[in-house]
Amino acid sequence: MAQAMLKDSSIRLLFETGMDEKGEPIFKGKTYNNVKKEATPDQVQQAAQALAGLCGYPLSVVERTDNFDII
């Protein structure tokens, strides 16, 4: 039976940086690698909020990407 082993994890923060000529929001993203594999969703959210506080734009979305090795 195959098993999935968590290899690495990263988070992507999407910021709303303005509006285009059609009035739709413009987003810019920043990815942070080497997130602890054991980090809970609450811990990831807290870290994202802390990082967003250093930026001048409002945080719109936090995405987590986990990469697995299938063995």
PDB file of N, CA and C in Angstrom:
ATOM      1  N   MET A   1       0.835  -1.182   0.000  1.00  0.00           N
ATOM      2  CA  MET A   1       0.000   0.000   0.000  1.00  0.00           C
ATOM      3  C   MET A   1       0.879   1.244   0.000  1.00  0.00           C
ATOM      4  N   ALA A   2       0.546   2.204  -0.822  1.00  0.00           N
ATOM      5  CA  ALA A   2       1.320   3.438  -0.945  1.00  0.00           C
ATOM      6  C   ALA A   2       1.118   4.327   0.277  1.00  0.00           C
ATOM      7  N   GLN A   3       2.159   5.082   0.601  1.00  0.00           N
ATOM      8  CA  GLN A   3       2.109   6.037   1.703  1.00  0.00           C
ATOM      9  C   GLN A   3       2.562   7.396   1.206  1.00  0.00           C
ATOM     10  N   ALA A   4       2.039   8.431   1.810  1.00  0.00           N
ATOM     11  CA  ALA A   4       2.424   9.805   1.487  1.00  0.00           C
ATOM     12  C   ALA A   4       3.272  10.356   2.632  1.00  0.00           C
ATOM     13  N   MET A   5       4.468  10.800   2.290  1.00  0.00           N
ATOM     14  CA  MET A   5       5.375  11.399   3.271  1.00  0.00           C
ATOM     15  C   MET A   5       5.500  12.881   2.950  1.00  0.00           C
ATOM     16  N   LEU A   6       5.129  13.730   3.917  1.00  0.00           N
ATOM     17  CA  LEU A   6       5.191  15.175   3.721  1.00  0.00           C
ATOM     18  C   LEU A   6       6.637  15.608   3.525  1.00  0.00           C
ATOM     19  N   LYS A   7       6.908  16.214   2.368  1.00  0.00           N
ATOM     20  CA  LYS A   7       8.262  16.610   2.014  1.00  0.00           C
ATOM     21  C   LYS A   7       8.549  18.049   2.433  1.00  0.00           C
ATOM     22  N   ASP A   8       7.678  18.984   2.041  1.00  0.00           N
ATOM     23  CA  ASP A   8       7.859  20.383   2.421  1.00  0.00           C
ATOM     24  C   ASP A   8       6.526  21.117   2.329  1.00  0.00           C
ATOM     25  N   SER A   9       6.528  22.310   2.877  1.00  0.00           N
ATOM     26  CA  SER A   9       5.301  23.095   2.967  1.00  0.00           C
ATOM     27  C   SER A   9       5.637  24.567   2.741  1.00  0.00           C
ATOM     28  N   SER A  10       4.710  25.291   2.122  1.00  0.00           N
ATOM     29  CA  SER A  10       4.892  26.725   1.906  1.00  0.00           C
ATOM     30  C   SER A  10       3.534  27.414   2.036  1.00  0.00           C
ATOM     31  N   ILE A  11       3.588  28.733   2.236  1.00  0.00           N
ATOM     32  CA  ILE A  11       2.351  29.516   2.261  1.00  0.00           C
ATOM     33  C   ILE A  11       2.467  30.635   1.237  1.00  0.00           C
ATOM     34  N   ARG A  12       1.323  31.013   0.700  1.00  0.00           N
ATOM     35  CA  ARG A  12       1.244  32.116  -0.261  1.00  0.00           C
ATOM     36  C   ARG A  12       0.236  33.115   0.272  1.00  0.00           C
ATOM     37  N   LEU A  13       0.660  34.350   0.385  1.00  0.00           N
ATOM     38  CA  LEU A  13      -0.202  35.431   0.832  1.00  0.00           C
ATOM     39  C   LEU A  13      -0.583  36.266  -0.376  1.00  0.00           C
ATOM     40  N   LEU A  14      -1.872  36.489  -0.568  1.00  0.00           N
ATOM     41  CA  LEU A  14      -2.357  37.335  -1.649  1.00  0.00           C
ATOM     42  C   LEU A  14      -2.856  38.644  -1.067  1.00  0.00           C
ATOM     43  N   PHE A  15      -2.337  39.738  -1.602  1.00  0.00           N
ATOM     44  CA  PHE A  15      -2.696  41.068  -1.146  1.00  0.00           C
ATOM     45  C   PHE A  15      -3.489  41.787  -2.232  1.00  0.00           C
ATOM     46  N   GLU A  16      -4.490  42.538  -1.820  1.00  0.00           N
ATOM     47  CA  GLU A  16      -5.243  43.368  -2.761  1.00  0.00           C
ATOM     48  C   GLU A  16      -4.516  44.699  -2.862  1.00  0.00           C
ATOM     49  N   THR A  17      -3.964  44.967  -4.051  1.00  0.00           N
ATOM     50  CA  THR A  17      -3.112  46.146  -4.218  1.00  0.00           C
ATOM     51  C   THR A  17      -3.793  47.308  -4.913  1.00  0.00           C
ATOM     52  N   GLY A  18      -5.029  47.133  -5.320  1.00  0.00           N
ATOM     53  CA  GLY A  18      -5.740  48.217  -5.979  1.00  0.00           C
ATOM     54  C   GLY A  18      -6.851  47.692  -6.869  1.00  0.00           C
ATOM     55  N   MET A  19      -7.331  48.590  -7.751  1.00  0.00           N
ATOM     56  CA  MET A  19      -8.408  48.242  -8.678  1.00  0.00           C
ATOM     57  C   MET A  19      -7.953  48.559 -10.097  1.00  0.00           C
ATOM     58  N   ASP A  20      -8.409  47.729 -11.044  1.00  0.00           N
ATOM     59  CA  ASP A  20      -8.092  48.014 -12.444  1.00  0.00           C
ATOM     60  C   ASP A  20      -9.150  48.951 -13.024  1.00  0.00           C
ATOM     61  N   GLU A  21      -9.031  49.233 -14.322  1.00  0.00           N
ATOM     62  CA  GLU A  21      -9.946  50.176 -14.961  1.00  0.00           C
ATOM     63  C   GLU A  21     -11.386  49.676 -15.019  1.00  0.00           C
ATOM     64  N   LYS A  22     -11.588  48.370 -14.852  1.00  0.00           N
ATOM     65  CA  LYS A  22     -12.940  47.800 -14.834  1.00  0.00           C
ATOM     66  C   LYS A  22     -13.532  47.730 -13.427  1.00  0.00           C
ATOM     67  N   GLY A  23     -12.756  48.167 -12.445  1.00  0.00           N
ATOM     68  CA  GLY A  23     -13.219  48.140 -11.072  1.00  0.00           C
ATOM     69  C   GLY A  23     -13.005  46.809 -10.374  1.00  0.00           C
ATOM     70  N   GLU A  24     -12.236  45.916 -10.989  1.00  0.00           N
ATOM     71  CA  GLU A  24     -11.946  44.622 -10.386  1.00  0.00           C
ATOM     72  C   GLU A  24     -10.647  44.708  -9.588  1.00  0.00           C
ATOM     73  N   PRO A  25     -10.559  43.967  -8.489  1.00  0.00           N
ATOM     74  CA  PRO A  25      -9.359  44.059  -7.646  1.00  0.00           C
ATOM     75  C   PRO A  25      -8.127  43.474  -8.339  1.00  0.00           C
ATOM     76  N   ILE A  26      -6.990  44.058  -8.020  1.00  0.00           N
ATOM     77  CA  ILE A  26      -5.692  43.579  -8.485  1.00  0.00           C
ATOM     78  C   ILE A  26      -5.014  42.919  -7.279  1.00  0.00           C
ATOM     79  N   PHE A  27      -4.509  41.703  -7.491  1.00  0.00           N
ATOM     80  CA  PHE A  27      -3.862  40.954  -6.417  1.00  0.00           C
ATOM     81  C   PHE A  27      -2.396  40.739  -6.738  1.00  0.00           C
ATOM     82  N   LYS A  28      -1.578  40.780  -5.697  1.00  0.00           N
ATOM     83  CA  LYS A  28      -0.169  40.418  -5.798  1.00  0.00           C
ATOM     84  C   LYS A  28       0.106  39.407  -4.699  1.00  0.00           C
ATOM     85  N   GLY A  29       0.927  38.416  -5.030  1.00  0.00           N
ATOM     86  CA  GLY A  29       1.205  37.352  -4.076  1.00  0.00           C
ATOM     87  C   GLY A  29       2.653  37.308  -3.643  1.00  0.00           C
ATOM     88  N   LYS A  30       2.858  36.769  -2.467  1.00  0.00           N
ATOM     89  CA  LYS A  30       4.193  36.541  -1.919  1.00  0.00           C
ATOM     90  C   LYS A  30       4.196  35.144  -1.322  1.00  0.00           C
ATOM     91  N   THR A  31       5.194  34.333  -1.710  1.00  0.00           N
ATOM     92  CA  THR A  31       5.302  32.965  -1.222  1.00  0.00           C
ATOM     93  C   THR A  31       6.429  32.859  -0.212  1.00  0.00           C
ATOM     94  N   TYR A  32       6.154  32.149   0.861  1.00  0.00           N
ATOM     95  CA  TYR A  32       7.147  31.877   1.896  1.00  0.00           C
ATOM     96  C   TYR A  32       7.329  30.368   1.979  1.00  0.00           C
ATOM     97  N   ASN A  33       8.574  29.918   1.764  1.00  0.00           N
ATOM     98  CA  ASN A  33       8.899  28.501   1.806  1.00  0.00           C
ATOM     99  C   ASN A  33       9.375  28.091   3.191  1.00  0.00           C
ATOM    100  N   ASN A  34       9.610  26.824   3.351  1.00  0.00           N
ATOM    101  CA  ASN A  34      10.176  26.249   4.579  1.00  0.00           C
ATOM    102  C   ASN A  34       9.268  26.444   5.789  1.00  0.00           C
ATOM    103  N   VAL A  35       7.962  26.334   5.582  1.00  0.00           N
ATOM    104  CA  VAL A  35       7.018  26.371   6.693  1.00  0.00           C
ATOM    105  C   VAL A  35       7.146  25.046   7.450  1.00  0.00           C
ATOM    106  N   LYS A  36       7.128  25.102   8.762  1.00  0.00           N
ATOM    107  CA  LYS A  36       7.236  23.872   9.538  1.00  0.00           C
ATOM    108  C   LYS A  36       6.122  22.914   9.155  1.00  0.00           C
ATOM    109  N   LYS A  37       6.494  21.680   8.951  1.00  0.00           N
ATOM    110  CA  LYS A  37       5.524  20.660   8.544  1.00  0.00           C
ATOM    111  C   LYS A  37       4.461  20.434   9.611  1.00  0.00           C
ATOM    112  N   GLU A  38       4.826  20.639  10.862  1.00  0.00           N
ATOM    113  CA  GLU A  38       3.914  20.391  11.977  1.00  0.00           C
ATOM    114  C   GLU A  38       2.974  21.563  12.258  1.00  0.00           C
ATOM    115  N   ALA A  39       3.135  22.671  11.555  1.00  0.00           N
ATOM    116  CA  ALA A  39       2.346  23.878  11.821  1.00  0.00           C
ATOM    117  C   ALA A  39       0.857  23.616  11.585  1.00  0.00           C
ATOM    118  N   THR A  40       0.052  24.019  12.557  1.00  0.00           N
ATOM    119  CA  THR A  40      -1.396  23.868  12.451  1.00  0.00           C
ATOM    120  C   THR A  40      -1.960  25.014  11.603  1.00  0.00           C
ATOM    121  N   PRO A  41      -3.190  24.871  11.116  1.00  0.00           N
ATOM    122  CA  PRO A  41      -3.802  25.979  10.378  1.00  0.00           C
ATOM    123  C   PRO A  41      -3.855  27.278  11.189  1.00  0.00           C
ATOM    124  N   ASP A  42      -4.116  27.178  12.485  1.00  0.00           N
ATOM    125  CA  ASP A  42      -4.141  28.379  13.329  1.00  0.00           C
ATOM    126  C   ASP A  42      -2.770  29.045  13.384  1.00  0.00           C
ATOM    127  N   GLN A  43      -1.724  28.250  13.495  1.00  0.00           N
ATOM    128  CA  GLN A  43      -0.373  28.798  13.544  1.00  0.00           C
ATOM    129  C   GLN A  43       0.005  29.445  12.215  1.00  0.00           C
ATOM    130  N   VAL A  44      -0.402  28.830  11.110  1.00  0.00           N
ATOM    131  CA  VAL A  44      -0.136  29.402   9.795  1.00  0.00           C
ATOM    132  C   VAL A  44      -0.868  30.731   9.644  1.00  0.00           C
ATOM    133  N   GLN A  45      -2.119  30.773  10.103  1.00  0.00           N
ATOM    134  CA  GLN A  45      -2.902  32.011  10.020  1.00  0.00           C
ATOM    135  C   GLN A  45      -2.263  33.119  10.863  1.00  0.00           C
ATOM    136  N   GLN A  46      -1.799  32.784  12.060  1.00  0.00           N
ATOM    137  CA  GLN A  46      -1.147  33.782  12.911  1.00  0.00           C
ATOM    138  C   GLN A  46       0.122  34.317  12.254  1.00  0.00           C
ATOM    139  N   ALA A  47       0.918  33.428  11.672  1.00  0.00           N
ATOM    140  CA  ALA A  47       2.143  33.854  10.997  1.00  0.00           C
ATOM    141  C   ALA A  47       1.805  34.732   9.797  1.00  0.00           C
ATOM    142  N   ALA A  48       0.782  34.363   9.042  1.00  0.00           N
ATOM    143  CA  ALA A  48       0.376  35.154   7.874  1.00  0.00           C
ATOM    144  C   ALA A  48      -0.083  36.540   8.297  1.00  0.00           C
ATOM    145  N   GLN A  49      -0.839  36.627   9.374  1.00  0.00           N
ATOM    146  CA  GLN A  49      -1.298  37.926   9.868  1.00  0.00           C
ATOM    147  C   GLN A  49      -0.122  38.786  10.314  1.00  0.00           C
ATOM    148  N   ALA A  50       0.864  38.164  10.958  1.00  0.00           N
ATOM    149  CA  ALA A  50       2.043  38.911  11.393  1.00  0.00           C
ATOM    150  C   ALA A  50       2.831  39.426  10.193  1.00  0.00           C
ATOM    151  N   LEU A  51       3.004  38.583   9.177  1.00  0.00           N
ATOM    152  CA  LEU A  51       3.713  39.012   7.972  1.00  0.00           C
ATOM    153  C   LEU A  51       2.932  40.087   7.227  1.00  0.00           C
ATOM    154  N   ALA A  52       1.623  39.949   7.172  1.00  0.00           N
ATOM    155  CA  ALA A  52       0.784  40.935   6.478  1.00  0.00           C
ATOM    156  C   ALA A  52       0.855  42.296   7.160  1.00  0.00           C
ATOM    157  N   GLY A  53       1.077  42.292   8.472  1.00  0.00           N
ATOM    158  CA  GLY A  53       1.204  43.546   9.192  1.00  0.00           C
ATOM    159  C   GLY A  53       2.405  44.367   8.751  1.00  0.00           C
ATOM    160  N   LEU A  54       3.373  43.715   8.117  1.00  0.00           N
ATOM    161  CA  LEU A  54       4.563  44.408   7.623  1.00  0.00           C
ATOM    162  C   LEU A  54       4.360  44.990   6.235  1.00  0.00           C
ATOM    163  N   CYS A  55       3.232  44.662   5.625  1.00  0.00           N
ATOM    164  CA  CYS A  55       2.947  45.104   4.259  1.00  0.00           C
ATOM    165  C   CYS A  55       1.926  46.242   4.298  1.00  0.00           C
ATOM    166  N   GLY A  56       1.955  47.076   3.298  1.00  0.00           N
ATOM    167  CA  GLY A  56       1.037  48.201   3.249  1.00  0.00           C
ATOM    168  C   GLY A  56      -0.304  47.894   2.616  1.00  0.00           C
ATOM    169  N   TYR A  57      -0.512  46.662   2.162  1.00  0.00           N
ATOM    170  CA  TYR A  57      -1.752  46.282   1.489  1.00  0.00           C
ATOM    171  C   TYR A  57      -2.561  45.326   2.357  1.00  0.00           C
ATOM    172  N   PRO A  58      -3.879  45.316   2.181  1.00  0.00           N
ATOM    173  CA  PRO A  58      -4.704  44.387   2.957  1.00  0.00           C
ATOM    174  C   PRO A  58      -4.537  42.943   2.472  1.00  0.00           C
ATOM    175  N   LEU A  59      -4.472  42.021   3.425  1.00  0.00           N
ATOM    176  CA  LEU A  59      -4.364  40.599   3.135  1.00  0.00           C
ATOM    177  C   LEU A  59      -5.715  40.074   2.686  1.00  0.00           C
ATOM    178  N   SER A  60      -5.727  39.375   1.567  1.00  0.00           N
ATOM    179  CA  SER A  60      -6.970  38.866   1.013  1.00  0.00           C
ATOM    180  C   SER A  60      -7.113  37.365   1.219  1.00  0.00           C
ATOM    181  N   VAL A  61      -6.049  36.610   0.919  1.00  0.00           N
ATOM    182  CA  VAL A  61      -6.115  35.147   0.965  1.00  0.00           C
ATOM    183  C   VAL A  61      -4.804  34.587   1.489  1.00  0.00           C
ATOM    184  N   VAL A  62      -4.906  33.498   2.262  1.00  0.00           N
ATOM    185  CA  VAL A  62      -3.735  32.736   2.687  1.00  0.00           C
ATOM    186  C   VAL A  62      -3.909  31.321   2.142  1.00  0.00           C
ATOM    187  N   GLU A  63      -2.905  30.847   1.393  1.00  0.00           N
ATOM    188  CA  GLU A  63      -2.947  29.503   0.825  1.00  0.00           C
ATOM    189  C   GLU A  63      -1.744  28.717   1.337  1.00  0.00           C
ATOM    190  N   ARG A  64      -1.984  27.456   1.664  1.00  0.00           N
ATOM    191  CA  ARG A  64      -0.891  26.577   2.083  1.00  0.00           C
ATOM    192  C   ARG A  64      -0.731  25.481   1.044  1.00  0.00           C
ATOM    193  N   THR A  65       0.519  25.209   0.679  1.00  0.00           N
ATOM    194  CA  THR A  65       0.821  24.141  -0.269  1.00  0.00           C
ATOM    195  C   THR A  65       1.724  23.136   0.409  1.00  0.00           C
ATOM    196  N   ASP A  66       1.279  21.893   0.460  1.00  0.00           N
ATOM    197  CA  ASP A  66       2.067  20.799   1.012  1.00  0.00           C
ATOM    198  C   ASP A  66       2.479  19.883  -0.137  1.00  0.00           C
ATOM    199  N   ASN A  67       3.759  19.511  -0.170  1.00  0.00           N
ATOM    200  CA  ASN A  67       4.275  18.598  -1.184  1.00  0.00           C
ATOM    201  C   ASN A  67       4.613  17.272  -0.512  1.00  0.00           C
ATOM    202  N   PHE A  68       4.189  16.197  -1.140  1.00  0.00           N
ATOM    203  CA  PHE A  68       4.363  14.869  -0.588  1.00  0.00           C
ATOM    204  C   PHE A  68       5.187  13.999  -1.528  1.00  0.00           C
ATOM    205  N   ASP A  69       5.965  13.072  -0.944  1.00  0.00           N
ATOM    206  CA  ASP A  69       6.580  11.982  -1.674  1.00  0.00           C
ATOM    207  C   ASP A  69       5.671  10.771  -1.487  1.00  0.00           C
ATOM    208  N   ILE A  70       5.314  10.123  -2.578  1.00  0.00           N
ATOM    209  CA  ILE A  70       4.491   8.919  -2.508  1.00  0.00           C
ATOM    210  C   ILE A  70       5.436   7.730  -2.599  1.00  0.00           C
ATOM    211  N   ILE A  71       5.400   6.897  -1.573  1.00  0.00           N
ATOM    212  CA  ILE A  71       6.287   5.720  -1.554  1.00  0.00           C
ATOM    213  C   ILE A  71       5.457   4.462  -1.382  1.00  0.00           C
TER     214      ILE A  71
END
